[in-house]
C-alpha cells in the first residue's frame, strides 16, 4: 500500500493512470524502473543500476514468490562488480536498503564472525523484481540465452529426464552465449549432464 501511495503521490488517482503503470501488478515494476531510470531517479540510482540488477539477481529466488535466499555480503560485492571499490559498493547497499528498502540485513550463526548477510525485504516484491530483471535481459541475445538456460535447467531439475537435457546445438549456443561463472548450481548440473 505504501508503494502504491508513493508511486501515485505525483500522479492523478484514476483508472487511466493505473493502466499506464501496468495495473496493480505493474505498480512495483514501474516503481523499480522509475527508481533507476525515470526522470526523478537520483544520480546514485542511475549510476548503480547495473550493479543493482546483478545483486538483486542473486537475491531473487529461481521460483516461487517467497523472499528468497540469504546472501553473504561478500558474494554481493563480487556480483556487483565493485570488488575493488568498497565506497561504491557501500553506496549501492545504501540505495538498495535505505533509499529503496529492497534489502534488509539478516542475523545468522555466521554473523558473529563479522560477515554480513542480506535478504529481500518483502515477499510481495519478488514477482516484480523477477519481471523487472527479465525484461531488461530479454532485450539482448545474451540475456535471452541466460533466460532460456535458467528455464530449461529448472524444468530438468523439477523432472530429471534425459529428454529434457540440452541437445548438441543448444548446449553449444548456451555455452557460447552465457558466462559459466554466472551459472547457478542447477544450471551447471544441467549443462554438465548434457
Protein backbone atom coordinates (compact mmCIF):
# COMPACT_ATOMS: atom_id res chain seq x y z
CA UNK A 1 0.00 0.00 0.00
CA UNK A 2 2.84 2.40 0.83
CA UNK A 3 4.49 1.60 -2.51
CA UNK A 4 1.22 2.39 -4.29
CA UNK A 5 0.87 5.67 -2.38
CA UNK A 6 4.47 6.58 -3.16
CA UNK A 7 4.01 5.86 -6.87
CA UNK A 8 0.82 7.90 -7.08
CA UNK A 9 1.82 10.90 -4.99
CA UNK A 10 2.64 12.82 -8.18
CA UNK A 11 0.06 11.13 -10.42
CA UNK A 12 -3.64 11.54 -10.75
CA UNK A 13 -5.53 8.75 -8.96
CA UNK A 14 -7.54 7.49 -11.94
CA UNK A 15 -8.07 4.18 -13.70
CA UNK A 16 -6.17 5.51 -16.71
CA UNK A 17 -3.13 6.32 -14.53
CA UNK A 18 -3.28 2.84 -13.05
CA UNK A 19 -3.47 1.30 -16.55
CA UNK A 20 -0.40 3.31 -17.65
CA UNK A 21 1.72 1.74 -14.90
CA UNK A 22 0.55 -1.77 -15.79
CA UNK A 23 -2.30 -2.16 -13.33
CA UNK A 24 -1.95 -3.13 -9.70
CA UNK A 25 0.67 -5.78 -10.51
CA UNK A 26 2.66 -3.32 -12.61
CA UNK A 27 2.99 -0.68 -9.88
CA UNK A 28 6.04 -2.38 -8.34
CA UNK A 29 7.72 -2.93 -11.73
CA UNK A 30 7.12 0.72 -12.64
CA UNK A 31 8.50 1.75 -9.23
CA UNK A 32 11.71 -0.18 -9.93
CA UNK A 33 12.07 1.16 -13.47
CA UNK A 34 11.45 4.76 -12.40
CA UNK A 35 13.73 4.42 -9.37
CA UNK A 36 16.69 3.65 -11.64
CA UNK A 37 15.81 5.22 -15.00
CA UNK A 38 12.87 7.58 -14.54
CA UNK A 39 13.10 11.36 -14.73
CA UNK A 40 13.11 11.60 -10.93
CA UNK A 41 15.76 8.89 -10.41
CA UNK A 42 18.65 10.18 -8.33
CA UNK A 43 22.24 10.20 -9.57
CA UNK A 44 23.39 7.27 -7.39
CA UNK A 45 20.43 5.18 -8.53
CA UNK A 46 21.29 5.77 -12.19
CA UNK A 47 24.99 5.13 -11.54
CA UNK A 48 24.35 1.85 -9.75
CA UNK A 49 21.58 0.39 -11.93
CA UNK A 50 23.76 -2.32 -13.49
CA UNK A 51 25.30 -3.32 -10.15
CA UNK A 52 21.86 -3.26 -8.50
CA UNK A 53 20.49 -5.63 -11.15
CA UNK A 54 23.40 -8.02 -10.64
CA UNK A 55 22.98 -8.01 -6.84
CA UNK A 56 19.20 -8.35 -6.98
CA UNK A 57 19.57 -11.28 -9.39
CA UNK A 58 21.36 -13.15 -6.59
CA UNK A 59 18.55 -12.44 -4.14
CA UNK A 60 15.52 -13.26 -6.28
CA UNK A 61 14.60 -16.93 -5.89
CA UNK A 62 14.59 -19.10 -9.01
CA UNK A 63 10.93 -19.99 -8.49
CA UNK A 64 8.10 -19.12 -6.17
CA UNK A 65 7.12 -15.86 -4.56
CA UNK A 66 8.91 -16.04 -1.23
CA UNK A 67 11.73 -13.72 -0.27
CA UNK A 68 14.49 -15.96 -1.46
CA UNK A 69 17.94 -16.83 -0.17
CA UNK A 70 20.03 -15.16 2.47
CA UNK A 71 23.20 -13.99 0.70
CA UNK A 72 26.62 -13.26 2.12
CA UNK A 73 27.70 -9.65 1.59
CA UNK A 74 30.98 -10.78 0.03
CA UNK A 75 29.02 -12.64 -2.71
CA UNK A 76 27.00 -9.48 -3.34
CA UNK A 77 30.21 -7.45 -3.58
CA UNK A 78 31.59 -9.85 -6.19
CA UNK A 79 28.33 -9.89 -8.17
CA UNK A 80 28.10 -6.09 -8.16
CA UNK A 81 31.40 -5.68 -10.00
CA UNK A 82 32.64 -3.35 -7.25
CA UNK A 83 35.23 -5.72 -5.75
CA UNK A 84 38.00 -3.13 -5.75
CA UNK A 85 35.68 -0.21 -4.95
CA UNK A 86 34.24 -0.56 -1.44
CA UNK A 87 32.95 3.03 -1.37
CA UNK A 88 30.77 2.41 -4.45
CA UNK A 89 29.56 -0.88 -3.01
CA UNK A 90 28.50 0.73 0.27
CA UNK A 91 26.69 3.44 -1.68
CA UNK A 92 24.89 0.69 -3.63
CA UNK A 93 23.90 -1.02 -0.37
CA UNK A 94 22.56 2.30 0.94
CA UNK A 95 20.45 2.77 -2.20
CA UNK A 96 19.04 -0.78 -2.06
CA UNK A 97 18.47 -0.95 1.70
CA UNK A 98 17.78 2.59 2.97
CA UNK A 99 16.54 4.51 -0.06
CA UNK A 100 14.50 1.84 -1.87
CA UNK A 101 14.03 -0.54 1.08
CA UNK A 102 14.55 -3.62 -1.12
CA UNK A 103 17.17 -5.31 1.11
CA UNK A 104 17.41 -5.99 4.80
CA UNK A 105 20.34 -7.30 6.86
CA UNK A 106 19.81 -10.77 8.34
CA UNK A 107 21.22 -12.31 11.52
CA UNK A 108 22.72 -15.78 11.07
CA UNK A 109 25.03 -18.05 13.07
CA UNK A 110 27.91 -16.74 10.95
CA UNK A 111 27.09 -13.06 11.62
CA UNK A 112 29.22 -13.14 14.77
CA UNK A 113 32.28 -13.74 12.56
CA UNK A 114 31.87 -10.22 11.20
CA UNK A 115 30.30 -11.26 7.89
CA UNK A 116 27.05 -9.51 6.92
CA UNK A 117 24.14 -11.31 5.28
CA UNK A 118 21.25 -9.83 3.30
CA UNK A 119 17.82 -10.83 2.04
CA UNK A 120 15.00 -9.18 0.11
CA UNK A 121 12.83 -7.13 2.45
CA UNK A 122 9.37 -8.04 1.12
CA UNK A 123 7.88 -11.21 -0.38
CA UNK A 124 5.44 -9.16 -2.47
CA UNK A 125 8.34 -7.61 -4.42
CA UNK A 126 9.66 -10.96 -5.70
CA UNK A 127 7.39 -11.23 -8.80
CA UNK A 128 8.00 -7.57 -9.69
CA UNK A 129 11.77 -7.90 -9.25
CA UNK A 130 11.80 -11.03 -11.39
CA UNK A 131 9.77 -9.31 -14.12
CA UNK A 132 11.94 -6.17 -13.99
CA UNK A 133 15.16 -8.18 -14.21
CA UNK A 134 13.88 -10.40 -17.03
CA UNK A 135 12.53 -7.51 -19.11
CA UNK A 136 15.97 -5.95 -19.47
CA UNK A 137 17.63 -9.32 -20.05
CA UNK A 138 15.19 -10.23 -22.81
CA UNK A 139 16.36 -7.24 -24.84
CA UNK A 140 19.69 -8.90 -25.77
CA UNK A 141 20.71 -12.23 -27.32
CA UNK A 142 22.93 -13.00 -24.32
CA UNK A 143 20.08 -12.15 -21.95
CA UNK A 144 17.59 -14.32 -23.81
CA UNK A 145 20.13 -17.17 -23.69
CA UNK A 146 20.53 -16.73 -19.92
CA UNK A 147 16.74 -16.82 -19.52
CA UNK A 148 16.48 -19.96 -21.67
CA UNK A 149 19.27 -21.63 -19.71
CA UNK A 150 17.55 -20.88 -16.41
CA UNK A 151 14.14 -22.07 -17.58
CA UNK A 152 15.38 -25.28 -19.22
CA UNK A 153 17.62 -26.16 -16.25
CA UNK A 154 14.76 -25.56 -13.81
CA UNK A 155 12.40 -27.78 -15.85
CA UNK A 156 15.02 -30.55 -15.79
CA UNK A 157 15.60 -30.01 -12.05
CA UNK A 158 11.89 -30.49 -11.36
CA UNK A 159 11.67 -33.58 -13.61
CA UNK A 160 15.12 -35.06 -14.28
CA UNK A 161 14.53 -36.81 -17.58
CA UNK A 162 17.23 -37.35 -20.25
CA UNK A 163 14.80 -35.94 -22.82
CA UNK A 164 15.00 -32.57 -21.00
CA UNK A 165 18.79 -32.31 -21.37
CA UNK A 166 20.21 -29.91 -23.98
CA UNK A 167 20.94 -31.15 -27.46
CA UNK A 168 24.35 -30.54 -29.02
CA UNK A 169 23.40 -27.27 -30.76
CA UNK A 170 21.51 -25.92 -27.76
CA UNK A 171 24.41 -26.80 -25.46
CA UNK A 172 26.93 -25.08 -27.78
CA UNK A 173 24.75 -21.99 -28.16
CA UNK A 174 24.23 -21.66 -24.40
CA UNK A 175 27.90 -22.33 -23.68
CA UNK A 176 28.99 -19.58 -26.07
CA UNK A 177 26.31 -17.01 -25.15
CA UNK A 178 26.33 -17.37 -21.34
CA UNK A 179 29.08 -17.00 -18.77
CA UNK A 180 29.82 -20.19 -16.88
CA UNK A 181 30.82 -18.35 -13.70
CA UNK A 182 27.30 -16.87 -13.53
CA UNK A 183 25.50 -20.21 -13.79
CA UNK A 184 23.52 -21.34 -10.78
CA UNK A 185 24.29 -24.80 -9.37
CA UNK A 186 21.19 -26.18 -11.13
CA UNK A 187 22.26 -24.66 -14.45
CA UNK A 188 25.76 -26.11 -14.03
CA UNK A 189 24.36 -29.57 -13.30
CA UNK A 190 22.07 -29.39 -16.33
CA UNK A 191 24.83 -28.27 -18.68
CA UNK A 192 27.28 -30.84 -17.28
CA UNK A 193 24.69 -33.61 -17.67
CA UNK A 194 24.06 -32.56 -21.29
